[in-house]
């Protein structure tokens, strides 16, 4: 027997088995509940994304800008909440700019930010073959994947360090975003 859901109706393919209308109604109701739950989940996930974007705007733009406008870098509220404005540094290397960004990092002595991952699959008894793997794989012509990446936190720390030293960075390649963020420490 195969059940094919179609707009909350069930098309039934049987193998000479009798199925009651009640059972089919129950199956149809379950399918409808699944569809409603999926739609509800999608709406809630979108609401979370929207709320996170709004919170980011409040903490990274609105409150820091307002405090800067009135000449403050910190404030304490009547209920004891302490608000301080601190700089933040963030970067993101897009896939389109990855090759150029990695080239810049290498040419400017920052290659240590780049993580390399080399993978290959060996069968039983091939442990000795795995020693000195990258060199051996290249010489032997064995197929493998070679993945490079820069961890986002390492990139952010690098951007902060270089910026605070006054060093120039290729903002477009490294996706540099520097700003102020309001940190709130709740009072007792």
N, C-alpha and C. Protein backbone atom coordinates (compact mmCIF):
# COMPACT_ATOMS: atom_id res chain seq x y z
N UNK A 1 0.84 -1.18 0.00
CA UNK A 1 0.00 0.00 0.00
C UNK A 1 0.88 1.24 0.00
N UNK A 2 0.55 2.20 -0.85
CA UNK A 2 1.27 3.47 -0.91
C UNK A 2 0.29 4.60 -0.71
N UNK A 3 0.68 5.57 0.11
CA UNK A 3 -0.14 6.76 0.33
C UNK A 3 0.53 7.92 -0.38
N UNK A 4 -0.23 8.65 -1.14
CA UNK A 4 0.29 9.82 -1.84
C UNK A 4 -0.52 11.04 -1.40
N UNK A 5 0.09 11.94 -0.57
CA UNK A 5 -0.65 13.13 -0.15
C UNK A 5 -0.78 14.12 -1.29
N UNK A 6 -1.98 14.69 -1.40
CA UNK A 6 -2.21 15.70 -2.42
C UNK A 6 -3.26 16.66 -1.89
N UNK A 7 -2.84 17.86 -1.49
CA UNK A 7 -3.73 18.90 -0.99
C UNK A 7 -4.68 18.35 0.08
N UNK A 8 -4.11 17.75 1.11
CA UNK A 8 -4.86 17.21 2.25
C UNK A 8 -5.82 16.09 1.87
N UNK A 9 -5.67 15.52 0.70
CA UNK A 9 -6.44 14.35 0.32
C UNK A 9 -5.45 13.21 0.15
N UNK A 10 -5.90 11.99 0.34
CA UNK A 10 -5.02 10.84 0.21
C UNK A 10 -5.48 10.00 -0.96
N UNK A 11 -4.54 9.80 -1.89
CA UNK A 11 -4.80 8.88 -3.00
C UNK A 11 -4.21 7.56 -2.57
N UNK A 12 -5.00 6.52 -2.61
CA UNK A 12 -4.62 5.25 -2.03
C UNK A 12 -4.37 4.20 -3.09
N UNK A 13 -3.22 3.53 -2.98
CA UNK A 13 -2.95 2.37 -3.81
C UNK A 13 -2.92 1.17 -2.87
N UNK A 14 -3.84 0.26 -3.03
CA UNK A 14 -3.94 -0.87 -2.09
C UNK A 14 -3.53 -2.17 -2.75
N UNK A 15 -3.25 -3.11 -1.90
CA UNK A 15 -2.97 -4.47 -2.34
C UNK A 15 -4.07 -5.36 -1.75
N UNK A 16 -5.30 -5.11 -2.20
CA UNK A 16 -6.47 -5.86 -1.76
C UNK A 16 -6.66 -5.82 -0.25
N UNK A 17 -6.42 -4.70 0.38
CA UNK A 17 -6.62 -4.54 1.80
C UNK A 17 -7.72 -3.51 2.01
N UNK A 18 -8.59 -3.77 2.93
CA UNK A 18 -9.68 -2.85 3.22
C UNK A 18 -9.24 -1.85 4.27
N UNK A 19 -9.40 -0.59 3.93
CA UNK A 19 -9.03 0.48 4.84
C UNK A 19 -10.28 1.33 5.06
N UNK A 20 -10.53 1.65 6.32
CA UNK A 20 -11.75 2.38 6.65
C UNK A 20 -11.61 3.86 6.33
N UNK A 21 -12.76 4.50 6.15
CA UNK A 21 -12.78 5.95 5.93
C UNK A 21 -12.18 6.67 7.12
N UNK A 22 -12.39 6.17 8.31
CA UNK A 22 -11.85 6.78 9.52
C UNK A 22 -10.32 6.78 9.51
N UNK A 23 -9.75 5.67 9.07
CA UNK A 23 -8.29 5.58 8.99
C UNK A 23 -7.75 6.57 7.95
N UNK A 24 -8.41 6.66 6.81
CA UNK A 24 -7.98 7.59 5.77
C UNK A 24 -8.12 9.04 6.23
N UNK A 25 -9.17 9.34 6.96
CA UNK A 25 -9.36 10.68 7.49
C UNK A 25 -8.25 11.02 8.48
N UNK A 26 -7.89 10.06 9.32
CA UNK A 26 -6.82 10.27 10.29
C UNK A 26 -5.49 10.55 9.58
N UNK A 27 -5.18 9.75 8.54
CA UNK A 27 -3.95 9.95 7.76
C UNK A 27 -3.96 11.33 7.12
N UNK A 28 -5.07 11.71 6.54
CA UNK A 28 -5.19 13.01 5.89
C UNK A 28 -5.01 14.14 6.90
N UNK A 29 -5.56 13.98 8.09
CA UNK A 29 -5.41 14.98 9.15
C UNK A 29 -3.96 15.10 9.59
N UNK A 30 -3.26 13.99 9.71
CA UNK A 30 -1.85 14.02 10.09
C UNK A 30 -1.02 14.77 9.04
N UNK A 31 -1.31 14.51 7.77
CA UNK A 31 -0.59 15.19 6.69
C UNK A 31 -0.86 16.69 6.76
N UNK A 32 -2.09 17.08 6.99
CA UNK A 32 -2.44 18.50 7.12
C UNK A 32 -1.73 19.14 8.30
N UNK A 33 -1.65 18.42 9.42
CA UNK A 33 -0.97 18.94 10.61
C UNK A 33 0.52 19.13 10.34
N UNK A 34 1.13 18.20 9.63
CA UNK A 34 2.55 18.33 9.27
C UNK A 34 2.76 19.57 8.41
N UNK A 35 1.93 19.76 7.41
CA UNK A 35 2.06 20.92 6.53
C UNK A 35 1.89 22.23 7.30
N UNK A 36 0.89 22.28 8.19
CA UNK A 36 0.67 23.49 9.00
C UNK A 36 1.86 23.75 9.92
N UNK A 37 2.41 22.69 10.51
CA UNK A 37 3.55 22.82 11.42
C UNK A 37 4.78 23.31 10.67
N UNK A 38 5.00 22.80 9.46
CA UNK A 38 6.13 23.27 8.65
C UNK A 38 5.99 24.75 8.33
N UNK A 39 4.79 25.18 7.94
CA UNK A 39 4.56 26.60 7.64
C UNK A 39 4.77 27.46 8.88
N UNK A 40 4.29 26.98 10.02
CA UNK A 40 4.45 27.71 11.28
C UNK A 40 5.92 27.85 11.64
N UNK A 41 6.67 26.78 11.47
CA UNK A 41 8.10 26.81 11.77
C UNK A 41 8.83 27.80 10.87
N UNK A 42 8.51 27.81 9.59
CA UNK A 42 9.13 28.75 8.65
C UNK A 42 8.84 30.20 9.06
N UNK A 43 7.61 30.48 9.47
CA UNK A 43 7.25 31.83 9.91
C UNK A 43 8.01 32.22 11.17
N UNK A 44 8.15 31.29 12.12
CA UNK A 44 8.86 31.57 13.36
C UNK A 44 10.35 31.78 13.10
N UNK A 45 10.94 30.99 12.19
CA UNK A 45 12.35 31.17 11.85
C UNK A 45 12.58 32.53 11.21
N UNK A 46 11.66 32.95 10.36
CA UNK A 46 11.77 34.27 9.74
C UNK A 46 11.62 35.37 10.79
N UNK A 47 10.72 35.16 11.76
CA UNK A 47 10.53 36.14 12.84
C UNK A 47 11.80 36.25 13.69
N UNK A 48 12.47 35.13 13.97
CA UNK A 48 13.72 35.15 14.73
C UNK A 48 14.78 35.93 13.96
N UNK A 49 14.89 35.68 12.65
CA UNK A 49 15.87 36.40 11.83
C UNK A 49 15.59 37.90 11.85
N UNK A 50 14.33 38.28 11.71
CA UNK A 50 13.95 39.69 11.72
C UNK A 50 14.27 40.32 13.08
N UNK A 51 13.99 39.60 14.15
CA UNK A 51 14.26 40.10 15.50
C UNK A 51 15.76 40.27 15.73
N UNK A 52 16.56 39.31 15.27
CA UNK A 52 18.02 39.42 15.40
C UNK A 52 18.54 40.62 14.62
N UNK A 53 18.02 40.84 13.42
CA UNK A 53 18.43 42.00 12.62
C UNK A 53 18.07 43.30 13.33
N UNK A 54 16.89 43.35 13.93
CA UNK A 54 16.45 44.55 14.66
C UNK A 54 17.33 44.79 15.88
N UNK A 55 17.63 43.74 16.63
CA UNK A 55 18.50 43.85 17.80
C UNK A 55 19.89 44.33 17.40
N UNK A 56 20.43 43.78 16.30
CA UNK A 56 21.73 44.21 15.80
C UNK A 56 21.70 45.70 15.48
N UNK A 57 20.65 46.17 14.81
CA UNK A 57 20.53 47.59 14.47
C UNK A 57 20.48 48.45 15.74
N UNK A 58 19.74 48.02 16.73
CA UNK A 58 19.64 48.77 17.99
C UNK A 58 20.99 48.86 18.69
N UNK A 59 21.70 47.72 18.80
CA UNK A 59 22.94 47.67 19.58
C UNK A 59 24.16 48.18 18.81
N UNK A 60 24.14 48.08 17.48
CA UNK A 60 25.30 48.48 16.69
C UNK A 60 25.14 49.84 16.01
N UNK A 61 23.92 50.33 15.93
CA UNK A 61 23.71 51.60 15.24
C UNK A 61 22.97 52.62 16.12
N UNK A 62 21.72 52.31 16.45
CA UNK A 62 20.86 53.30 17.10
C UNK A 62 21.41 53.79 18.44
N UNK A 63 21.66 52.88 19.39
CA UNK A 63 22.13 53.30 20.71
C UNK A 63 23.54 53.89 20.66
N UNK A 64 24.52 53.28 19.98
CA UNK A 64 25.84 53.92 19.90
C UNK A 64 25.78 55.31 19.26
N UNK A 65 24.97 55.47 18.22
CA UNK A 65 24.85 56.77 17.56
C UNK A 65 24.23 57.81 18.49
N UNK A 66 23.21 57.42 19.23
CA UNK A 66 22.54 58.36 20.13
C UNK A 66 23.49 58.78 21.25
N UNK A 67 24.20 57.81 21.83
CA UNK A 67 25.14 58.15 22.90
C UNK A 67 26.27 59.04 22.37
N UNK A 68 26.75 58.77 21.17
CA UNK A 68 27.80 59.60 20.56
C UNK A 68 27.27 61.02 20.32
N UNK A 69 26.01 61.11 19.89
CA UNK A 69 25.39 62.41 19.63
C UNK A 69 25.34 63.28 20.88
N UNK A 70 25.12 62.65 22.05
CA UNK A 70 25.03 63.43 23.29
C UNK A 70 26.34 63.42 24.07
N UNK A 71 27.39 62.81 23.46
CA UNK A 71 28.72 62.86 24.04
C UNK A 71 29.00 61.87 25.16
N UNK A 72 28.34 60.72 25.14
CA UNK A 72 28.57 59.70 26.17
C UNK A 72 29.12 58.42 25.56
N UNK A 73 29.95 57.72 26.33
CA UNK A 73 30.43 56.39 25.91
C UNK A 73 29.89 55.31 26.84
N UNK A 74 29.31 55.75 27.97
CA UNK A 74 28.68 54.79 28.88
C UNK A 74 27.61 55.52 29.68
N UNK A 75 26.69 54.74 30.23
CA UNK A 75 25.61 55.29 31.02
C UNK A 75 25.10 54.20 31.96
N UNK A 76 24.58 54.62 33.12
CA UNK A 76 23.97 53.66 34.04
C UNK A 76 22.53 54.11 34.25
N UNK A 77 21.60 53.16 34.11
CA UNK A 77 20.19 53.48 34.26
C UNK A 77 19.78 53.44 35.73
N UNK A 78 18.57 53.93 36.02
CA UNK A 78 18.07 53.96 37.40
C UNK A 78 17.98 52.56 38.00
N UNK A 79 17.70 51.56 37.15
CA UNK A 79 17.57 50.20 37.68
C UNK A 79 18.92 49.49 37.79
N UNK A 80 20.01 50.19 37.51
CA UNK A 80 21.35 49.62 37.69
C UNK A 80 21.96 49.01 36.44
N UNK A 81 21.25 49.04 35.31
CA UNK A 81 21.83 48.53 34.06
C UNK A 81 22.97 49.44 33.64
N UNK A 82 24.09 48.85 33.25
CA UNK A 82 25.24 49.63 32.79
C UNK A 82 25.41 49.40 31.29
N UNK A 83 25.45 50.48 30.55
CA UNK A 83 25.59 50.42 29.10
C UNK A 83 26.93 51.04 28.74
N UNK A 84 27.75 50.30 28.01
CA UNK A 84 29.02 50.83 27.52
C UNK A 84 29.09 50.62 26.02
N UNK A 85 29.74 51.54 25.36
CA UNK A 85 29.93 51.44 23.92
C UNK A 85 31.37 51.01 23.67
N UNK A 86 31.51 49.91 22.96
CA UNK A 86 32.83 49.37 22.67
C UNK A 86 32.95 49.11 21.17
N UNK A 87 34.16 49.20 20.65
CA UNK A 87 34.33 48.91 19.23
C UNK A 87 34.22 47.41 18.96
N UNK A 88 33.80 47.08 17.76
CA UNK A 88 33.82 45.68 17.34
C UNK A 88 34.41 45.61 15.95
N UNK A 89 34.93 44.44 15.64
CA UNK A 89 35.58 44.22 14.35
C UNK A 89 35.06 42.91 13.79
N UNK A 90 34.66 42.93 12.55
CA UNK A 90 34.09 41.73 11.96
C UNK A 90 34.54 41.65 10.50
N UNK A 91 34.75 40.45 10.03
CA UNK A 91 35.11 40.25 8.64
C UNK A 91 34.47 39.01 8.09
N UNK A 92 34.30 38.97 6.79
CA UNK A 92 33.75 37.79 6.12
C UNK A 92 34.33 37.75 4.70
N UNK A 93 35.00 36.67 4.39
CA UNK A 93 35.57 36.51 3.05
C UNK A 93 34.56 35.75 2.21
N UNK A 94 34.02 36.42 1.20
CA UNK A 94 33.02 35.77 0.35
C UNK A 94 33.70 34.76 -0.58
N UNK A 95 32.93 33.82 -1.07
CA UNK A 95 33.46 32.81 -2.00
C UNK A 95 34.06 33.47 -3.23
N UNK A 96 33.41 34.54 -3.72
CA UNK A 96 33.87 35.21 -4.93
C UNK A 96 35.24 35.86 -4.73
N UNK A 97 35.53 36.32 -3.52
CA UNK A 97 36.78 37.04 -3.26
C UNK A 97 37.79 36.19 -2.51
N UNK A 98 37.48 34.91 -2.30
CA UNK A 98 38.33 34.04 -1.50
C UNK A 98 39.75 33.93 -2.06
N UNK A 99 39.90 33.65 -3.34
CA UNK A 99 41.23 33.47 -3.93
C UNK A 99 42.07 34.74 -3.78
N UNK A 100 41.47 35.88 -4.08
CA UNK A 100 42.20 37.15 -3.98
C UNK A 100 42.53 37.48 -2.52
N UNK A 101 41.61 37.20 -1.62
CA UNK A 101 41.85 37.49 -0.19
C UNK A 101 42.97 36.60 0.34
N UNK A 102 42.96 35.32 0.00
CA UNK A 102 44.01 34.41 0.46
C UNK A 102 45.36 34.81 -0.13
N UNK A 103 45.34 35.24 -1.38
CA UNK A 103 46.59 35.70 -2.01
C UNK A 103 47.13 36.91 -1.24
N UNK A 104 46.25 37.87 -0.91
CA UNK A 104 46.68 39.04 -0.16
C UNK A 104 47.24 38.64 1.20
N UNK A 105 46.55 37.73 1.91
CA UNK A 105 47.03 37.28 3.22
C UNK A 105 48.41 36.65 3.11
N UNK A 106 48.61 35.82 2.09
CA UNK A 106 49.91 35.17 1.90
C UNK A 106 51.00 36.19 1.56
N UNK A 107 50.70 37.10 0.65
CA UNK A 107 51.69 38.08 0.21
C UNK A 107 52.05 39.08 1.31
N UNK A 108 51.18 39.24 2.31
CA UNK A 108 51.42 40.20 3.37
C UNK A 108 51.75 39.52 4.70
N UNK A 109 52.28 38.30 4.61
CA UNK A 109 52.77 37.55 5.77
C UNK A 109 51.69 37.25 6.82
N UNK A 110 50.48 36.96 6.36
CA UNK A 110 49.41 36.59 7.28
C UNK A 110 48.81 35.23 6.90
N UNK A 111 49.59 34.40 6.25
CA UNK A 111 49.13 33.09 5.81
C UNK A 111 48.75 32.19 6.98
N UNK A 112 49.27 32.50 8.18
CA UNK A 112 48.95 31.67 9.34
C UNK A 112 47.46 31.74 9.70
N UNK A 113 46.70 32.68 9.15
CA UNK A 113 45.26 32.72 9.36
C UNK A 113 44.53 31.64 8.55
N UNK A 114 45.17 31.16 7.49
CA UNK A 114 44.52 30.21 6.59
C UNK A 114 44.71 28.79 7.12
N UNK A 115 43.58 28.11 7.33
CA UNK A 115 43.63 26.71 7.74
C UNK A 115 43.52 25.84 6.49
N UNK A 116 44.31 24.79 6.43
CA UNK A 116 44.25 23.85 5.32
C UNK A 116 43.73 22.52 5.81
N UNK A 117 42.85 21.93 5.04
CA UNK A 117 42.30 20.63 5.37
C UNK A 117 42.51 19.72 4.16
N UNK A 118 43.22 18.62 4.37
CA UNK A 118 43.48 17.67 3.29
C UNK A 118 42.82 16.36 3.68
N UNK A 119 41.98 15.82 2.80
CA UNK A 119 41.28 14.58 3.09
C UNK A 119 41.54 13.56 2.00
N UNK A 120 41.70 12.32 2.41
CA UNK A 120 41.82 11.21 1.48
C UNK A 120 41.36 9.97 2.22
N UNK A 121 40.81 9.01 1.52
CA UNK A 121 40.31 7.80 2.13
C UNK A 121 41.24 6.64 1.79
N UNK A 122 41.68 5.91 2.81
CA UNK A 122 42.55 4.76 2.64
C UNK A 122 41.85 3.52 3.17
N UNK A 123 42.07 2.40 2.52
CA UNK A 123 41.46 1.14 2.95
C UNK A 123 42.28 0.49 4.05
N UNK A 124 41.83 -0.69 4.47
CA UNK A 124 42.54 -1.44 5.50
C UNK A 124 43.96 -1.73 5.06
N UNK A 125 44.87 -1.67 6.02
CA UNK A 125 46.26 -2.00 5.73
C UNK A 125 47.03 -0.90 5.02
N UNK A 126 46.45 0.27 4.88
CA UNK A 126 47.13 1.36 4.18
C UNK A 126 47.62 2.45 5.13
N UNK A 127 47.80 2.10 6.40
CA UNK A 127 48.24 3.09 7.39
C UNK A 127 49.61 3.69 7.02
N UNK A 128 50.53 2.84 6.61
CA UNK A 128 51.87 3.32 6.27
C UNK A 128 51.80 4.32 5.11
N UNK A 129 50.86 4.08 4.22
CA UNK A 129 50.69 4.94 3.06
C UNK A 129 50.25 6.36 3.48
N UNK A 130 49.55 6.47 4.62
CA UNK A 130 49.02 7.76 5.06
C UNK A 130 50.08 8.67 5.67
N UNK A 131 51.26 8.13 5.97
CA UNK A 131 52.35 8.94 6.54
C UNK A 131 52.86 9.91 5.47
N UNK A 132 53.13 11.10 5.90
CA UNK A 132 53.53 12.18 4.99
C UNK A 132 52.54 12.31 3.84
N UNK A 133 51.30 12.41 4.19
CA UNK A 133 50.19 12.25 3.25
C UNK A 133 50.17 13.25 2.10
N UNK A 134 50.29 14.49 2.36
CA UNK A 134 50.15 15.44 1.27
C UNK A 134 51.24 15.27 0.23
N UNK A 135 52.47 15.14 0.68
CA UNK A 135 53.59 14.93 -0.25
C UNK A 135 53.39 13.65 -1.04
N UNK A 136 53.04 12.59 -0.36
CA UNK A 136 52.85 11.30 -1.02
C UNK A 136 51.70 11.36 -2.04
N UNK A 137 50.59 11.99 -1.63
CA UNK A 137 49.43 12.07 -2.53
C UNK A 137 49.79 12.82 -3.81
N UNK A 138 50.52 13.90 -3.66
CA UNK A 138 50.91 14.65 -4.86
C UNK A 138 51.81 13.82 -5.76
N UNK A 139 52.79 13.15 -5.18
CA UNK A 139 53.72 12.34 -5.98
C UNK A 139 53.05 11.13 -6.60
N UNK A 140 52.07 10.55 -5.90
CA UNK A 140 51.43 9.31 -6.36
C UNK A 140 50.23 9.54 -7.26
N UNK A 141 49.75 10.76 -7.35
CA UNK A 141 48.59 11.04 -8.19
C UNK A 141 47.29 10.53 -7.58
N UNK A 142 47.27 10.32 -6.27
CA UNK A 142 46.05 9.86 -5.61
C UNK A 142 45.10 11.03 -5.45
N UNK A 143 43.84 10.81 -5.75
CA UNK A 143 42.83 11.85 -5.66
C UNK A 143 42.57 12.23 -4.20
N UNK A 144 42.51 13.56 -3.94
CA UNK A 144 42.18 14.03 -2.60
C UNK A 144 41.59 15.42 -2.70
N UNK A 145 40.95 15.84 -1.62
CA UNK A 145 40.41 17.20 -1.59
C UNK A 145 41.33 18.05 -0.73
N UNK A 146 41.47 19.27 -1.09
CA UNK A 146 42.33 20.20 -0.36
C UNK A 146 41.49 21.44 -0.09
N UNK A 147 41.15 21.67 1.17
CA UNK A 147 40.26 22.77 1.53
C UNK A 147 41.02 23.79 2.37
N UNK A 148 40.84 25.05 2.00
CA UNK A 148 41.43 26.14 2.76
C UNK A 148 40.30 26.96 3.38
N UNK A 149 40.55 27.49 4.57
CA UNK A 149 39.55 28.35 5.19
C UNK A 149 40.22 29.27 6.19
N UNK A 150 39.54 30.37 6.50
CA UNK A 150 39.97 31.28 7.55
C UNK A 150 38.82 31.34 8.54
N UNK A 151 39.08 30.97 9.79
CA UNK A 151 38.03 30.97 10.81
C UNK A 151 37.55 32.39 11.05
N UNK A 152 36.21 32.60 11.11
CA UNK A 152 35.68 33.96 11.29
C UNK A 152 36.21 34.68 12.53
N UNK A 153 36.39 33.98 13.65
CA UNK A 153 36.90 34.65 14.86
C UNK A 153 38.36 35.03 14.69
N UNK A 154 39.14 34.19 14.00
CA UNK A 154 40.54 34.53 13.73
C UNK A 154 40.62 35.76 12.84
N UNK A 155 39.75 35.81 11.83
CA UNK A 155 39.73 36.96 10.93
C UNK A 155 39.34 38.23 11.68
N UNK A 156 38.33 38.13 12.54
CA UNK A 156 37.90 39.30 13.31
C UNK A 156 39.02 39.79 14.23
N UNK A 157 39.70 38.86 14.90
CA UNK A 157 40.80 39.23 15.79
C UNK A 157 41.93 39.89 14.99
N UNK A 158 42.22 39.34 13.81
CA UNK A 158 43.25 39.89 12.94
C UNK A 158 42.88 41.32 12.52
N UNK A 159 41.62 41.53 12.13
CA UNK A 159 41.16 42.86 11.70
C UNK A 159 41.30 43.85 12.86
N UNK A 160 40.90 43.45 14.07
CA UNK A 160 41.02 44.32 15.24
C UNK A 160 42.48 44.67 15.48
N UNK A 161 43.34 43.66 15.48
CA UNK A 161 44.78 43.86 15.74
C UNK A 161 45.40 44.81 14.72
N UNK A 162 45.15 44.56 13.46
CA UNK A 162 45.74 45.38 12.40
C UNK A 162 45.19 46.81 12.42
N UNK A 163 43.89 46.93 12.66
CA UNK A 163 43.27 48.26 12.71
C UNK A 163 43.82 49.07 13.87
N UNK A 164 43.95 48.42 15.03
CA UNK A 164 44.46 49.13 16.20
C UNK A 164 45.93 49.50 16.04
N UNK A 165 46.67 48.79 15.18
CA UNK A 165 48.06 49.13 14.89
C UNK A 165 48.16 50.18 13.77
N UNK A 166 47.01 50.53 13.18
CA UNK A 166 47.00 51.52 12.11
C UNK A 166 47.40 50.95 10.75
N UNK A 167 47.37 49.64 10.60
CA UNK A 167 47.74 49.00 9.33
C UNK A 167 46.58 49.05 8.35
N UNK A 168 46.88 49.22 7.08
CA UNK A 168 45.86 49.24 6.03
C UNK A 168 45.46 47.81 5.68
N UNK A 169 44.17 47.61 5.50
CA UNK A 169 43.64 46.31 5.11
C UNK A 169 42.77 46.47 3.86
N UNK A 170 42.71 45.44 3.03
CA UNK A 170 41.81 45.50 1.87
C UNK A 170 40.37 45.18 2.33
N UNK A 171 39.63 46.21 2.72
CA UNK A 171 38.29 46.03 3.29
C UNK A 171 37.37 45.22 2.38
N UNK A 172 37.43 45.46 1.07
CA UNK A 172 36.54 44.75 0.16
C UNK A 172 36.86 43.26 0.10
N UNK A 173 38.14 42.90 0.12
CA UNK A 173 38.52 41.48 0.05
C UNK A 173 38.19 40.73 1.33
N UNK A 174 38.41 41.38 2.46
CA UNK A 174 38.22 40.71 3.74
C UNK A 174 36.83 40.96 4.33
N UNK A 175 35.98 41.69 3.62
CA UNK A 175 34.63 41.95 4.11
C UNK A 175 34.64 42.64 5.46
N UNK A 176 35.52 43.61 5.63
CA UNK A 176 35.70 44.28 6.92
C UNK A 176 34.48 45.12 7.28
N UNK A 177 34.04 44.95 8.53
CA UNK A 177 32.96 45.77 9.08
C UNK A 177 33.40 46.16 10.48
N UNK A 178 33.61 47.44 10.68
CA UNK A 178 34.06 47.96 11.97
C UNK A 178 33.00 48.93 12.47
N UNK A 179 32.66 48.81 13.73
CA UNK A 179 31.64 49.70 14.27
C UNK A 179 31.70 49.73 15.79
N UNK A 180 30.67 50.29 16.36
CA UNK A 180 30.52 50.37 17.80
C UNK A 180 29.33 49.49 18.19
N UNK A 181 29.38 48.91 19.37
CA UNK A 181 28.27 48.09 19.83
C UNK A 181 27.97 48.44 21.28
N UNK A 182 26.70 48.49 21.61
CA UNK A 182 26.28 48.77 22.98
C UNK A 182 26.20 47.46 23.75
N UNK A 183 26.93 47.38 24.85
CA UNK A 183 26.92 46.21 25.72
C UNK A 183 26.14 46.60 26.97
N UNK A 184 25.15 45.83 27.31
CA UNK A 184 24.34 46.12 28.49
C UNK A 184 24.59 45.06 29.56
N UNK A 185 24.98 45.53 30.73
CA UNK A 185 25.16 44.64 31.87
C UNK A 185 24.01 44.91 32.81
N UNK A 186 23.16 43.93 33.01
CA UNK A 186 21.97 44.09 33.82
C UNK A 186 22.31 44.35 35.28
N UNK A 187 21.55 45.27 35.86
CA UNK A 187 21.71 45.57 37.28
C UNK A 187 21.07 44.48 38.12
N UNK A 188 21.27 44.58 39.38
CA UNK A 188 20.75 43.55 40.30
C UNK A 188 19.32 43.69 40.58
